PDB file of N, CA and C in Angstrom:
ATOM      1  N   UNK A   1       0.931  -1.291   0.014  1.00  0.00           N
ATOM      2  CA  UNK A   1      -0.013  -0.018   0.024  1.00  0.00           C
ATOM      3  C   UNK A   1       0.799   1.315  -0.006  1.00  0.00           C
ATOM      4  N   UNK A   2       0.527   2.115  -0.886  1.00  0.00           N
ATOM      5  CA  UNK A   2       1.455   3.443  -0.812  1.00  0.00           C
ATOM      6  C   UNK A   2       0.440   4.627  -0.233  1.00  0.00           C
ATOM      7  N   UNK A   3       1.223   5.139   0.897  1.00  0.00           N
ATOM      8  CA  UNK A   3       0.440   5.920   1.572  1.00  0.00           C
ATOM      9  C   UNK A   3       1.156   7.276   1.598  1.00  0.00           C
ATOM     10  N   UNK A   4       0.476   8.480   1.131  1.00  0.00           N
ATOM     11  CA  UNK A   4       1.240   9.649   0.903  1.00  0.00           C
ATOM     12  C   UNK A   4       0.369  10.879   1.194  1.00  0.00           C
ATOM     13  N   UNK A   5       0.748  12.059   1.675  1.00  0.00           N
ATOM     14  CA  UNK A   5      -0.099  13.272   1.662  1.00  0.00           C
ATOM     15  C   UNK A   5      -0.120  13.879   0.424  1.00  0.00           C
ATOM     16  N   UNK A   6      -1.421  14.377   0.034  1.00  0.00           N
ATOM     17  CA  UNK A   6      -1.528  15.138  -1.236  1.00  0.00           C
ATOM     18  C   UNK A   6      -0.701  16.275  -1.381  1.00  0.00           C
ATOM     19  N   UNK A   7      -0.067  16.869  -2.381  1.00  0.00           N
ATOM     20  CA  UNK A   7       0.628  17.862  -2.389  1.00  0.00           C
ATOM     21  C   UNK A   7      -0.433  19.073  -2.395  1.00  0.00           C
ATOM     22  N   UNK A   8      -1.662  19.058  -2.898  1.00  0.00           N
ATOM     23  CA  UNK A   8      -2.468  20.167  -2.833  1.00  0.00           C
ATOM     24  C   UNK A   8      -3.166  20.362  -1.395  1.00  0.00           C
ATOM     25  N   UNK A   9      -3.394  19.099  -0.814  1.00  0.00           N
ATOM     26  CA  UNK A   9      -3.794  19.285   0.620  1.00  0.00           C
ATOM     27  C   UNK A   9      -3.039  18.212   1.516  1.00  0.00           C
ATOM     28  N   UNK A  10      -2.036  18.492   2.050  1.00  0.00           N
ATOM     29  CA  UNK A  10      -1.293  17.321   2.981  1.00  0.00           C
ATOM     30  C   UNK A  10      -2.038  16.614   3.755  1.00  0.00           C
ATOM     31  N   UNK A  11      -3.162  17.226   4.560  1.00  0.00           N
ATOM     32  CA  UNK A  11      -4.022  16.694   5.440  1.00  0.00           C
ATOM     33  C   UNK A  11      -4.718  15.534   4.890  1.00  0.00           C
ATOM     34  N   UNK A  12      -4.842  15.598   3.392  1.00  0.00           N
ATOM     35  CA  UNK A  12      -5.734  14.386   2.865  1.00  0.00           C
ATOM     36  C   UNK A  12      -4.782  13.362   2.287  1.00  0.00           C
ATOM     37  N   UNK A  13      -5.040  12.192   2.788  1.00  0.00           N
ATOM     38  CA  UNK A  13      -4.119  10.997   2.565  1.00  0.00           C
ATOM     39  C   UNK A  13      -4.594  10.357   1.350  1.00  0.00           C
ATOM     40  N   UNK A  14      -3.669   9.973   0.522  1.00  0.00           N
ATOM     41  CA  UNK A  14      -3.895   9.180  -0.692  1.00  0.00           C
ATOM     42  C   UNK A  14      -3.276   7.710  -0.254  1.00  0.00           C
ATOM     43  N   UNK A  15      -4.144   6.691  -0.502  1.00  0.00           N
ATOM     44  CA  UNK A  15      -3.741   5.396  -0.198  1.00  0.00           C
ATOM     45  C   UNK A  15      -4.119   4.659  -1.539  1.00  0.00           C
ATOM     46  N   UNK A  16      -3.044   3.955  -2.002  1.00  0.00           N
ATOM     47  CA  UNK A  16      -3.190   3.062  -3.312  1.00  0.00           C
ATOM     48  C   UNK A  16      -2.580   1.845  -3.128  1.00  0.00           C
ATOM     49  N   UNK A  17      -3.241   0.869  -3.724  1.00  0.00           N
ATOM     50  CA  UNK A  17      -2.772  -0.462  -3.744  1.00  0.00           C
ATOM     51  C   UNK A  17      -1.429  -0.490  -4.524  1.00  0.00           C
ATOM     52  N   UNK A  18      -0.514  -1.497  -4.259  1.00  0.00           N
ATOM     53  CA  UNK A  18       0.890  -1.455  -4.914  1.00  0.00           C
ATOM     54  C   UNK A  18       0.967  -2.894  -5.655  1.00  0.00           C
ATOM     55  N   UNK A  19       1.429  -2.649  -6.900  1.00  0.00           N
ATOM     56  CA  UNK A  19       1.835  -3.977  -7.636  1.00  0.00           C
ATOM     57  C   UNK A  19       3.213  -4.144  -7.688  1.00  0.00           C
ATOM     58  N   UNK A  20       3.718  -5.472  -7.630  1.00  0.00           N
ATOM     59  CA  UNK A  20       5.071  -5.716  -7.614  1.00  0.00           C
ATOM     60  C   UNK A  20       5.430  -6.337  -9.236  1.00  0.00           C
ATOM     61  N   UNK A  21       6.575  -5.301  -9.914  1.00  0.00           N
ATOM     62  CA  UNK A  21       6.594  -5.610 -11.289  1.00  0.00           C
ATOM     63  C   UNK A  21       7.904  -4.906 -11.532  1.00  0.00           C
ATOM     64  N   UNK A  22       8.909  -5.503 -11.398  1.00  0.00           N
ATOM     65  CA  UNK A  22      10.454  -4.818 -11.407  1.00  0.00           C
ATOM     66  C   UNK A  22      10.133  -3.461 -10.640  1.00  0.00           C
ATOM     67  N   UNK A  23      10.093  -3.768  -9.330  1.00  0.00           N
ATOM     68  CA  UNK A  23       9.803  -2.632  -8.391  1.00  0.00           C
ATOM     69  C   UNK A  23       8.497  -2.684  -7.896  1.00  0.00           C
ATOM     70  N   UNK A  24       8.141  -1.601  -7.296  1.00  0.00           N
ATOM     71  CA  UNK A  24       6.690  -1.508  -7.036  1.00  0.00           C
ATOM     72  C   UNK A  24       5.988  -0.443  -7.657  1.00  0.00           C
ATOM     73  N   UNK A  25       4.800  -0.344  -8.036  1.00  0.00           N
ATOM     74  CA  UNK A  25       4.142   0.706  -8.695  1.00  0.00           C
ATOM     75  C   UNK A  25       2.658   0.803  -8.064  1.00  0.00           C
ATOM     76  N   UNK A  26       2.193   2.076  -8.019  1.00  0.00           N
ATOM     77  CA  UNK A  26       0.885   2.416  -7.710  1.00  0.00           C
ATOM     78  C   UNK A  26       0.221   3.287  -8.832  1.00  0.00           C
ATOM     79  N   UNK A  27      -1.121   3.218  -9.203  1.00  0.00           N
ATOM     80  CA  UNK A  27      -1.786   4.154 -10.197  1.00  0.00           C
ATOM     81  C   UNK A  27      -2.921   4.919  -9.364  1.00  0.00           C
ATOM     82  N   UNK A  28      -2.942   6.186  -9.860  1.00  0.00           N
ATOM     83  CA  UNK A  28      -3.808   6.975  -9.472  1.00  0.00           C
ATOM     84  C   UNK A  28      -4.457   7.841 -10.530  1.00  0.00           C
ATOM     85  N   UNK A  29      -5.312   7.375 -11.290  1.00  0.00           N
ATOM     86  CA  UNK A  29      -5.911   7.993 -12.525  1.00  0.00           C
ATOM     87  C   UNK A  29      -4.852   7.990 -13.480  1.00  0.00           C
ATOM     88  N   UNK A  30      -4.402   9.011 -13.895  1.00  0.00           N
ATOM     89  CA  UNK A  30      -3.285   9.036 -14.932  1.00  0.00           C
ATOM     90  C   UNK A  30      -1.998   9.168 -14.460  1.00  0.00           C
ATOM     91  N   UNK A  31      -1.747   9.131 -13.223  1.00  0.00           N
ATOM     92  CA  UNK A  31      -0.292   9.211 -12.493  1.00  0.00           C
ATOM     93  C   UNK A  31      -0.180   7.845 -11.942  1.00  0.00           C
ATOM     94  N   UNK A  32       1.156   7.383 -12.265  1.00  0.00           N
ATOM     95  CA  UNK A  32       1.680   6.191 -11.671  1.00  0.00           C
ATOM     96  C   UNK A  32       2.965   6.501 -10.794  1.00  0.00           C
ATOM     97  N   UNK A  33       2.981   5.983  -9.822  1.00  0.00           N
ATOM     98  CA  UNK A  33       4.199   6.153  -8.795  1.00  0.00           C
ATOM     99  C   UNK A  33       4.705   4.917  -8.718  1.00  0.00           C
ATOM    100  N   UNK A  34       6.331   4.863  -8.824  1.00  0.00           N
ATOM    101  CA  UNK A  34       7.026   3.705  -8.983  1.00  0.00           C
ATOM    102  C   UNK A  34       8.256   3.916  -8.047  1.00  0.00           C
ATOM    103  N   UNK A  35       8.565   2.764  -7.322  1.00  0.00           N
ATOM    104  CA  UNK A  35       9.680   2.501  -6.462  1.00  0.00           C
ATOM    105  C   UNK A  35      10.563   1.417  -6.829  1.00  0.00           C
ATOM    106  N   UNK A  36      11.613   1.650  -7.223  1.00  0.00           N
ATOM    107  CA  UNK A  36      12.628   0.625  -7.593  1.00  0.00           C
ATOM    108  C   UNK A  36      14.119   1.055  -7.954  1.00  0.00           C
ATOM    109  N   UNK A  37      14.985   0.230  -7.786  1.00  0.00           N
ATOM    110  CA  UNK A  37      16.410   0.773  -7.925  1.00  0.00           C
ATOM    111  C   UNK A  37      16.850   1.946  -7.269  1.00  0.00           C
ATOM    112  N   UNK A  38      16.473   1.917  -5.833  1.00  0.00           N
ATOM    113  CA  UNK A  38      16.882   2.920  -4.928  1.00  0.00           C
ATOM    114  C   UNK A  38      16.090   4.471  -5.277  1.00  0.00           C
ATOM    115  N   UNK A  39      15.129   4.434  -6.044  1.00  0.00           N
ATOM    116  CA  UNK A  39      14.398   5.920  -6.358  1.00  0.00           C
ATOM    117  C   UNK A  39      12.956   5.675  -6.209  1.00  0.00           C
ATOM    118  N   UNK A  40      12.307   6.697  -6.080  1.00  0.00           N
ATOM    119  CA  UNK A  40      11.075   6.987  -6.447  1.00  0.00           C
ATOM    120  C   UNK A  40      10.662   7.932  -7.453  1.00  0.00           C
ATOM    121  N   UNK A  41       9.789   7.443  -8.450  1.00  0.00           N
ATOM    122  CA  UNK A  41       9.598   8.477  -9.690  1.00  0.00           C
ATOM    123  C   UNK A  41       7.978   8.383  -9.639  1.00  0.00           C
ATOM    124  N   UNK A  42       7.447   9.632 -10.450  1.00  0.00           N
ATOM    125  CA  UNK A  42       6.060   9.499 -10.880  1.00  0.00           C
ATOM    126  C   UNK A  42       6.198  10.122 -12.342  1.00  0.00           C
ATOM    127  N   UNK A  43       5.279   9.287 -12.856  1.00  0.00           N
ATOM    128  CA  UNK A  43       4.806   9.669 -14.368  1.00  0.00           C
ATOM    129  C   UNK A  43       3.296   9.852 -14.390  1.00  0.00           C
ATOM    130  N   UNK A  44       3.043  10.996 -15.424  1.00  0.00           N
ATOM    131  CA  UNK A  44       1.832  11.269 -15.735  1.00  0.00           C
ATOM    132  C   UNK A  44       1.661  10.965 -17.340  1.00  0.00           C
ATOM    133  N   UNK A  45       0.528  10.261 -17.586  1.00  0.00           N
ATOM    134  CA  UNK A  45       0.226   9.723 -18.874  1.00  0.00           C
ATOM    135  C   UNK A  45       1.425   9.091 -19.585  1.00  0.00           C
ATOM    136  N   UNK A  46       2.208   8.365 -18.564  1.00  0.00           N
ATOM    137  CA  UNK A  46       3.298   7.593 -19.213  1.00  0.00           C
ATOM    138  C   UNK A  46       4.566   8.417 -19.380  1.00  0.00           C
ATOM    139  N   UNK A  47       4.479   9.617 -19.083  1.00  0.00           N
ATOM    140  CA  UNK A  47       5.745  10.499 -19.142  1.00  0.00           C
ATOM    141  C   UNK A  47       6.354  10.838 -17.849  1.00  0.00           C
ATOM    142  N   UNK A  48       7.750  10.281 -17.536  1.00  0.00           N
ATOM    143  CA  UNK A  48       8.159  10.467 -16.087  1.00  0.00           C
ATOM    144  C   UNK A  48       8.380  12.125 -15.869  1.00  0.00           C
ATOM    145  N   UNK A  49       7.784  12.574 -14.858  1.00  0.00           N
ATOM    146  CA  UNK A  49       7.920  13.951 -14.648  1.00  0.00           C
ATOM    147  C   UNK A  49       8.702  14.397 -13.302  1.00  0.00           C
ATOM    148  N   UNK A  50       9.048  13.155 -12.739  1.00  0.00           N
ATOM    149  CA  UNK A  50       9.823  13.655 -11.396  1.00  0.00           C
ATOM    150  C   UNK A  50      10.461  12.081 -11.027  1.00  0.00           C
ATOM    151  N   UNK A  51      11.720  12.206 -10.539  1.00  0.00           N
ATOM    152  CA  UNK A  51      12.481  11.077  -9.990  1.00  0.00           C
ATOM    153  C   UNK A  51      13.365  11.580  -8.812  1.00  0.00           C
ATOM    154  N   UNK A  52      13.526  10.680  -7.662  1.00  0.00           N
ATOM    155  CA  UNK A  52      14.194  11.229  -6.568  1.00  0.00           C
ATOM    156  C   UNK A  52      14.740   9.832  -6.032  1.00  0.00           C
ATOM    157  N   UNK A  53      16.250  10.015  -5.620  1.00  0.00           N
ATOM    158  CA  UNK A  53      16.853   8.907  -4.901  1.00  0.00           C
ATOM    159  C   UNK A  53      16.201   8.734  -3.522  1.00  0.00           C
ATOM    160  N   UNK A  54      16.264   7.680  -3.079  1.00  0.00           N
ATOM    161  CA  UNK A  54      15.730   7.350  -1.749  1.00  0.00           C
ATOM    162  C   UNK A  54      17.019   7.159  -1.046  1.00  0.00           C
ATOM    163  N   UNK A  55      16.865   8.104   0.051  1.00  0.00           N
ATOM    164  CA  UNK A  55      18.327   8.001   0.790  1.00  0.00           C
ATOM    165  C   UNK A  55      18.065   7.281   2.280  1.00  0.00           C
ATOM    166  N   UNK A  56      16.966   6.935   2.476  1.00  0.00           N
ATOM    167  CA  UNK A  56      16.647   6.068   3.907  1.00  0.00           C
ATOM    168  C   UNK A  56      15.593   5.186   3.645  1.00  0.00           C
ATOM    169  N   UNK A  57      15.626   3.881   4.016  1.00  0.00           N
ATOM    170  CA  UNK A  57      14.795   2.939   3.829  1.00  0.00           C
ATOM    171  C   UNK A  57      14.740   2.234   5.093  1.00  0.00           C
ATOM    172  N   UNK A  58      13.594   2.319   5.895  1.00  0.00           N
ATOM    173  CA  UNK A  58      13.327   1.563   7.023  1.00  0.00           C
ATOM    174  C   UNK A  58      13.404   0.025   6.730  1.00  0.00           C
ATOM    175  N   UNK A  59      13.580  -0.658   7.770  1.00  0.00           N
ATOM    176  CA  UNK A  59      13.288  -2.052   7.620  1.00  0.00           C
ATOM    177  C   UNK A  59      12.245  -2.585   8.160  1.00  0.00           C
TER     178      UNK A  59
END
């Protein structure tokens, strides 16, 4: 499950089911969030718009 605060309203929580396919991905309408290879990325309509390195990962 991907849980995150919405950028437009951080108090509103976004909860999405996650699929395992070469990393993890969650889909919210036209946005896809992906975690894999030590990074978090977001694509809109299939085009990557943001990618960040993961600097801490709890166990």
